[in-house]
Structures are given as C-alpha cells and as structure tokens.
Amino acid sequence: VEIGKQLLITRGALTTFSIANDIA
C-alpha cells in the first residue's frame, strides 16, 4: 500500500514541478 501511494505521489509531485517550472 505504501509503495502504491508513493507511486501516485511521485507522479503528482513531478507533474506539479513540471508545470510550475514553466513559469520561470
């Protein structure tokens, strides 16, 4: 369960980072 959550969180975190760095 923890690894499954880690997968989803990793995907969400890097998606957030990817969209945010477009601002700079």
PDB file of all heavy atoms in Angstrom:
ATOM      1  N   VAL A   1       0.842  -1.200   0.000  1.00  0.00           N
ATOM      2  CA  VAL A   1       0.000   0.000   0.000  1.00  0.00           C
ATOM      3  C   VAL A   1       0.877   1.250   0.000  1.00  0.00           C
ATOM      4  O   VAL A   1       0.613   2.214  -0.737  1.00  0.00           O
ATOM      5  CB  VAL A   1      -0.943  -0.005   1.222  1.00  0.00           C
ATOM      6  CG1 VAL A   1      -1.634   1.340   1.375  1.00  0.00           C
ATOM      7  CG2 VAL A   1      -1.985  -1.115   1.074  1.00  0.00           C
ATOM      8  N   GLU A   2       1.932   1.241   0.803  1.00  0.00           N
ATOM      9  CA  GLU A   2       2.812   2.412   0.867  1.00  0.00           C
ATOM     10  C   GLU A   2       3.507   2.659  -0.468  1.00  0.00           C
ATOM     11  O   GLU A   2       3.659   3.807  -0.904  1.00  0.00           O
ATOM     12  CB  GLU A   2       3.836   2.226   1.980  1.00  0.00           C
ATOM     13  CG  GLU A   2       3.222   2.292   3.379  1.00  0.00           C
ATOM     14  CD  GLU A   2       4.245   2.078   4.474  1.00  0.00           C
ATOM     15  OE1 GLU A   2       5.345   1.574   4.148  1.00  0.00           O
ATOM     16  OE2 GLU A   2       3.958   2.408   5.634  1.00  0.00           O
ATOM     17  N   ILE A   3       3.941   1.586  -1.140  1.00  0.00           N
ATOM     18  CA  ILE A   3       4.607   1.740  -2.437  1.00  0.00           C
ATOM     19  C   ILE A   3       3.619   2.256  -3.476  1.00  0.00           C
ATOM     20  O   ILE A   3       3.966   3.094  -4.323  1.00  0.00           O
ATOM     21  CB  ILE A   3       5.227   0.404  -2.880  1.00  0.00           C
ATOM     22  CG1 ILE A   3       6.418   0.056  -1.977  1.00  0.00           C
ATOM     23  CG2 ILE A   3       5.673   0.467  -4.339  1.00  0.00           C
ATOM     24  CD1 ILE A   3       7.000  -1.314  -2.218  1.00  0.00           C
ATOM     25  N   GLY A   4       2.369   1.761  -3.425  1.00  0.00           N
ATOM     26  CA  GLY A   4       1.354   2.258  -4.350  1.00  0.00           C
ATOM     27  C   GLY A   4       1.105   3.746  -4.162  1.00  0.00           C
ATOM     28  O   GLY A   4       1.000   4.507  -5.134  1.00  0.00           O
ATOM     29  N   LYS A   5       1.015   4.156  -2.911  1.00  0.00           N
ATOM     30  CA  LYS A   5       0.816   5.582  -2.632  1.00  0.00           C
ATOM     31  C   LYS A   5       2.042   6.386  -3.057  1.00  0.00           C
ATOM     32  O   LYS A   5       1.927   7.504  -3.561  1.00  0.00           O
ATOM     33  CB  LYS A   5       0.519   5.796  -1.148  1.00  0.00           C
ATOM     34  CG  LYS A   5      -0.881   5.338  -0.741  1.00  0.00           C
ATOM     35  CD  LYS A   5      -1.205   5.721   0.680  1.00  0.00           C
ATOM     36  CE  LYS A   5      -2.636   5.327   1.030  1.00  0.00           C
ATOM     37  NZ  LYS A   5      -3.628   6.084   0.257  1.00  0.00           N
ATOM     38  N   GLN A   6       3.214   5.814  -2.850  1.00  0.00           N
ATOM     39  CA  GLN A   6       4.439   6.504  -3.245  1.00  0.00           C
ATOM     40  C   GLN A   6       4.482   6.718  -4.755  1.00  0.00           C
ATOM     41  O   GLN A   6       4.902   7.777  -5.229  1.00  0.00           O
ATOM     42  CB  GLN A   6       5.651   5.681  -2.803  1.00  0.00           C
ATOM     43  CG  GLN A   6       6.978   6.392  -3.021  1.00  0.00           C
ATOM     44  CD  GLN A   6       8.153   5.500  -2.673  1.00  0.00           C
ATOM     45  OE1 GLN A   6       8.204   4.345  -3.076  1.00  0.00           O
ATOM     46  NE2 GLN A   6       9.109   6.038  -1.936  1.00  0.00           N
ATOM     47  N   LEU A   7       4.008   5.731  -5.519  1.00  0.00           N
ATOM     48  CA  LEU A   7       3.970   5.870  -6.972  1.00  0.00           C
ATOM     49  C   LEU A   7       3.068   7.029  -7.382  1.00  0.00           C
ATOM     50  O   LEU A   7       3.450   7.874  -8.208  1.00  0.00           O
ATOM     51  CB  LEU A   7       3.474   4.561  -7.603  1.00  0.00           C
ATOM     52  CG  LEU A   7       3.148   4.615  -9.100  1.00  0.00           C
ATOM     53  CD1 LEU A   7       4.398   4.918  -9.915  1.00  0.00           C
ATOM     54  CD2 LEU A   7       2.509   3.317  -9.562  1.00  0.00           C
ATOM     55  N   LEU A   8       1.869   7.083  -6.822  1.00  0.00           N
ATOM     56  CA  LEU A   8       0.931   8.146  -7.175  1.00  0.00           C
ATOM     57  C   LEU A   8       1.454   9.512  -6.748  1.00  0.00           C
ATOM     58  O   LEU A   8       1.321  10.506  -7.469  1.00  0.00           O
ATOM     59  CB  LEU A   8      -0.426   7.872  -6.531  1.00  0.00           C
ATOM     60  CG  LEU A   8      -1.138   6.584  -6.987  1.00  0.00           C
ATOM     61  CD1 LEU A   8      -2.450   6.417  -6.238  1.00  0.00           C
ATOM     62  CD2 LEU A   8      -1.387   6.590  -8.482  1.00  0.00           C
ATOM     63  N   ILE A   9       2.048   9.572  -5.550  1.00  0.00           N
ATOM     64  CA  ILE A   9       2.563  10.847  -5.058  1.00  0.00           C
ATOM     65  C   ILE A   9       3.750  11.312  -5.906  1.00  0.00           C
ATOM     66  O   ILE A   9       3.890  12.507  -6.205  1.00  0.00           O
ATOM     67  CB  ILE A   9       2.966  10.714  -3.577  1.00  0.00           C
ATOM     68  CG1 ILE A   9       1.714  10.560  -2.715  1.00  0.00           C
ATOM     69  CG2 ILE A   9       3.768  11.917  -3.113  1.00  0.00           C
ATOM     70  CD1 ILE A   9       2.008  10.230  -1.280  1.00  0.00           C
ATOM     71  N   THR A  10       4.610  10.383  -6.292  1.00  0.00           N
ATOM     72  CA  THR A  10       5.750  10.749  -7.136  1.00  0.00           C
ATOM     73  C   THR A  10       5.280  11.326  -8.466  1.00  0.00           C
ATOM     74  O   THR A  10       5.785  12.348  -8.937  1.00  0.00           O
ATOM     75  CB  THR A  10       6.640   9.518  -7.393  1.00  0.00           C
ATOM     76  OG1 THR A  10       7.091   8.988  -6.144  1.00  0.00           O
ATOM     77  CG2 THR A  10       7.838   9.882  -8.250  1.00  0.00           C
ATOM     78  N   ARG A  11       4.306  10.672  -9.050  1.00  0.00           N
ATOM     79  CA  ARG A  11       3.774  11.149 -10.329  1.00  0.00           C
ATOM     80  C   ARG A  11       3.152  12.540 -10.166  1.00  0.00           C
ATOM     81  O   ARG A  11       3.368  13.437 -10.986  1.00  0.00           O
ATOM     82  CB  ARG A  11       2.738  10.147 -10.850  1.00  0.00           C
ATOM     83  CG  ARG A  11       2.302  10.378 -12.277  1.00  0.00           C
ATOM     84  CD  ARG A  11       1.375   9.264 -12.711  1.00  0.00           C
ATOM     85  NE  ARG A  11       2.114   8.034 -12.937  1.00  0.00           N
ATOM     86  CZ  ARG A  11       1.553   6.828 -12.937  1.00  0.00           C
ATOM     87  NH1 ARG A  11       0.268   6.704 -12.678  1.00  0.00           N
ATOM     88  NH2 ARG A  11       2.277   5.761 -13.170  1.00  0.00           N
ATOM     89  N   GLY A  12       2.396  12.722  -9.085  1.00  0.00           N
ATOM     90  CA  GLY A  12       1.773  14.026  -8.855  1.00  0.00           C
ATOM     91  C   GLY A  12       2.787  15.104  -8.546  1.00  0.00           C
ATOM     92  O   GLY A  12       2.663  16.244  -9.015  1.00  0.00           O
ATOM     93  N   ALA A  13       3.811  14.748  -7.748  1.00  0.00           N
ATOM     94  CA  ALA A  13       4.819  15.737  -7.362  1.00  0.00           C
ATOM     95  C   ALA A  13       5.602  16.227  -8.571  1.00  0.00           C
ATOM     96  O   ALA A  13       5.825  17.434  -8.740  1.00  0.00           O
ATOM     97  CB  ALA A  13       5.766  15.132  -6.330  1.00  0.00           C
ATOM     98  N   LEU A  14       6.021  15.302  -9.439  1.00  0.00           N
ATOM     99  CA  LEU A  14       6.803  15.710 -10.598  1.00  0.00           C
ATOM    100  C   LEU A  14       5.948  16.406 -11.643  1.00  0.00           C
ATOM    101  O   LEU A  14       6.454  17.240 -12.406  1.00  0.00           O
ATOM    102  CB  LEU A  14       7.514  14.492 -11.195  1.00  0.00           C
ATOM    103  CG  LEU A  14       8.600  13.882 -10.295  1.00  0.00           C
ATOM    104  CD1 LEU A  14       9.320  12.759 -10.996  1.00  0.00           C
ATOM    105  CD2 LEU A  14       9.600  14.947  -9.861  1.00  0.00           C
ATOM    106  N   THR A  15       4.655  16.077 -11.706  1.00  0.00           N
ATOM    107  CA  THR A  15       3.757  16.828 -12.590  1.00  0.00           C
ATOM    108  C   THR A  15       3.633  18.264 -12.106  1.00  0.00           C
ATOM    109  O   THR A  15       3.681  19.217 -12.897  1.00  0.00           O
ATOM    110  CB  THR A  15       2.370  16.164 -12.634  1.00  0.00           C
ATOM    111  OG1 THR A  15       2.498  14.822 -13.126  1.00  0.00           O
ATOM    112  CG2 THR A  15       1.423  16.929 -13.558  1.00  0.00           C
ATOM    113  N   THR A  16       3.487  18.440 -10.786  1.00  0.00           N
ATOM    114  CA  THR A  16       3.421  19.788 -10.201  1.00  0.00           C
ATOM    115  C   THR A  16       4.697  20.561 -10.490  1.00  0.00           C
ATOM    116  O   THR A  16       4.662  21.727 -10.896  1.00  0.00           O
ATOM    117  CB  THR A  16       3.208  19.697  -8.677  1.00  0.00           C
ATOM    118  OG1 THR A  16       2.007  18.966  -8.418  1.00  0.00           O
ATOM    119  CG2 THR A  16       3.094  21.074  -8.060  1.00  0.00           C
ATOM    120  N   PHE A  17       5.842  19.916 -10.311  1.00  0.00           N
ATOM    121  CA  PHE A  17       7.128  20.576 -10.556  1.00  0.00           C
ATOM    122  C   PHE A  17       7.254  20.958 -12.028  1.00  0.00           C
ATOM    123  O   PHE A  17       7.698  22.068 -12.363  1.00  0.00           O
ATOM    124  CB  PHE A  17       8.273  19.649 -10.156  1.00  0.00           C
ATOM    125  CG  PHE A  17       9.639  20.254 -10.313  1.00  0.00           C
ATOM    126  CD1 PHE A  17      10.229  20.934  -9.272  1.00  0.00           C
ATOM    127  CD2 PHE A  17      10.333  20.141 -11.511  1.00  0.00           C
ATOM    128  CE1 PHE A  17      11.484  21.509  -9.409  1.00  0.00           C
ATOM    129  CE2 PHE A  17      11.587  20.706 -11.661  1.00  0.00           C
ATOM    130  CZ  PHE A  17      12.164  21.390 -10.606  1.00  0.00           C
ATOM    131  N   SER A  18       6.851  20.045 -12.912  1.00  0.00           N
ATOM    132  CA  SER A  18       6.990  20.295 -14.348  1.00  0.00           C
ATOM    133  C   SER A  18       6.184  21.505 -14.788  1.00  0.00           C
ATOM    134  O   SER A  18       6.668  22.358 -15.538  1.00  0.00           O
ATOM    135  CB  SER A  18       6.545  19.059 -15.138  1.00  0.00           C
ATOM    136  OG  SER A  18       6.625  19.286 -16.527  1.00  0.00           O
ATOM    137  N   ILE A  19       4.947  21.591 -14.333  1.00  0.00           N
ATOM    138  CA  ILE A  19       4.091  22.712 -14.730  1.00  0.00           C
ATOM    139  C   ILE A  19       4.577  24.012 -14.083  1.00  0.00           C
ATOM    140  O   ILE A  19       4.586  25.072 -14.707  1.00  0.00           O
ATOM    141  CB  ILE A  19       2.630  22.421 -14.360  1.00  0.00           C
ATOM    142  CG1 ILE A  19       2.126  21.216 -15.182  1.00  0.00           C
ATOM    143  CG2 ILE A  19       1.747  23.633 -14.600  1.00  0.00           C
ATOM    144  CD1 ILE A  19       0.742  20.740 -14.806  1.00  0.00           C
ATOM    145  N   ALA A  20       5.024  23.916 -12.810  1.00  0.00           N
ATOM    146  CA  ALA A  20       5.470  25.117 -12.108  1.00  0.00           C
ATOM    147  C   ALA A  20       6.730  25.699 -12.729  1.00  0.00           C
ATOM    148  O   ALA A  20       6.878  26.932 -12.809  1.00  0.00           O
ATOM    149  CB  ALA A  20       5.704  24.801 -10.635  1.00  0.00           C
ATOM    150  N   ASN A  21       7.655  24.855 -13.192  1.00  0.00           N
ATOM    151  CA  ASN A  21       8.908  25.429 -13.701  1.00  0.00           C
ATOM    152  C   ASN A  21       8.741  26.098 -15.059  1.00  0.00           C
ATOM    153  O   ASN A  21       9.639  26.782 -15.542  1.00  0.00           O
ATOM    154  CB  ASN A  21      10.051  24.399 -13.713  1.00  0.00           C
ATOM    155  CG  ASN A  21       9.897  23.327 -14.780  1.00  0.00           C
ATOM    156  OD1 ASN A  21       9.225  23.499 -15.800  1.00  0.00           O
ATOM    157  ND2 ASN A  21      10.550  22.202 -14.551  1.00  0.00           N
ATOM    158  N   ASP A  22       7.582  25.903 -15.699  1.00  0.00           N
ATOM    159  CA  ASP A  22       7.306  26.634 -16.933  1.00  0.00           C
ATOM    160  C   ASP A  22       7.185  28.133 -16.667  1.00  0.00           C
ATOM    161  O   ASP A  22       7.413  28.954 -17.566  1.00  0.00           O
ATOM    162  CB  ASP A  22       6.017  26.126 -17.585  1.00  0.00           C
ATOM    163  CG  ASP A  22       6.202  24.743 -18.201  1.00  0.00           C
ATOM    164  OD1 ASP A  22       7.361  24.371 -18.463  1.00  0.00           O
ATOM    165  OD2 ASP A  22       5.189  24.046 -18.413  1.00  0.00           O
ATOM    166  N   ILE A  23       6.814  28.492 -15.433  1.00  0.00           N
ATOM    167  CA  ILE A  23       6.651  29.916 -15.102  1.00  0.00           C
ATOM    168  C   ILE A  23       7.971  30.654 -15.263  1.00  0.00           C
ATOM    169  O   ILE A  23       8.045  31.733 -15.868  1.00  0.00           O
ATOM    170  CB  ILE A  23       6.115  30.065 -13.658  1.00  0.00           C
ATOM    171  CG1 ILE A  23       4.730  29.430 -13.547  1.00  0.00           C
ATOM    172  CG2 ILE A  23       6.088  31.525 -13.243  1.00  0.00           C
ATOM    173  CD1 ILE A  23       4.171  29.407 -12.141  1.00  0.00           C
ATOM    174  N   ALA A  24       9.057  30.061 -14.726  1.00  0.00           N
ATOM    175  CA  ALA A  24      10.367  30.704 -14.826  1.00  0.00           C
ATOM    176  C   ALA A  24      10.809  30.804 -16.275  1.00  0.00           C
ATOM    177  O   ALA A  24      11.381  31.825 -16.698  1.00  0.00           O
ATOM    178  CB  ALA A  24      11.389  29.928 -14.001  1.00  0.00           C
TER     179      ALA A  24
END
